[in-house]
Amino acid sequence: MADMGAFREAVTGWAAGGPGGPARELAARLPVRAAVLLEGPSDVAAVTALAERRGRDLAAEGVCVLAMGGAMSVGRFTGLLGPPGLGLRLTGLCDEGERGYYARGWERAGVAHQGFFVCAADLEDELIRALGTRRVAELVRAEGEWRALRTFLSQPAQQGRTSQQQLRRFLGTKKGRKIHYGRVLVEALEPDRVPAPLDALLAGL
């Protein structure tokens, strides 16, 4: 839904110090009922891909899936979108290391901490564990990046790391790769192997 994209842009501009009027107007017109606060675009790709696999159009349901540009921005976004601002229902997904930012953001907005879900390390780690390293390597090969992976694995810094650690690091070595594989890995999951935080997030919407 194009209007949801416009709402997302308006909220991002508002969080950066711009006017809140455009976001308020779009929120009322669409209408928007909930916001999913995510750290970055790779998380958005994964959440959107899982929703599509389950036959859901989140934008049409009034759900805005939003990349904040880092967990440290969550307090700003919860204030604008939660009870102090637009009054939307808030949920989200974060890395274990960023749990504190989310908890403080939720507390500042006056909403329950249970509204967000935490990945054991990060979402990529959850997806790799769910699929298994052999399957992830097969997917990398299918995406035409087998040579790049082999070169990466031959680097001295990767020696002594587990296959899971190596693959997780590989996904972050090229701009746009994490976003691309956020969708690829989710689309390859068996229905009963969806990581618990991601599954719970979507089920709660």
Foldseek 3Di string as FASTA:
>chain_A
DVLLVVLQVLLLVVLVPDDNVVNLVSCVVQPAAEEEEEAALLLVLLLVLLCVVVVHDCVNVRYRYYHNNGLLSLLSSLCCVPPVHNNHHYEYEEEPVSLVSLVVSCVNRPHDSVRYFYDPGGQLLLLCVLQDLVVVLVLCVVVVCNVVLVVQCPDPVNPPPDSSVSVVVSQVPDPPSSNVVSNVSSVPGDPVSRRPRSVVNVVVD
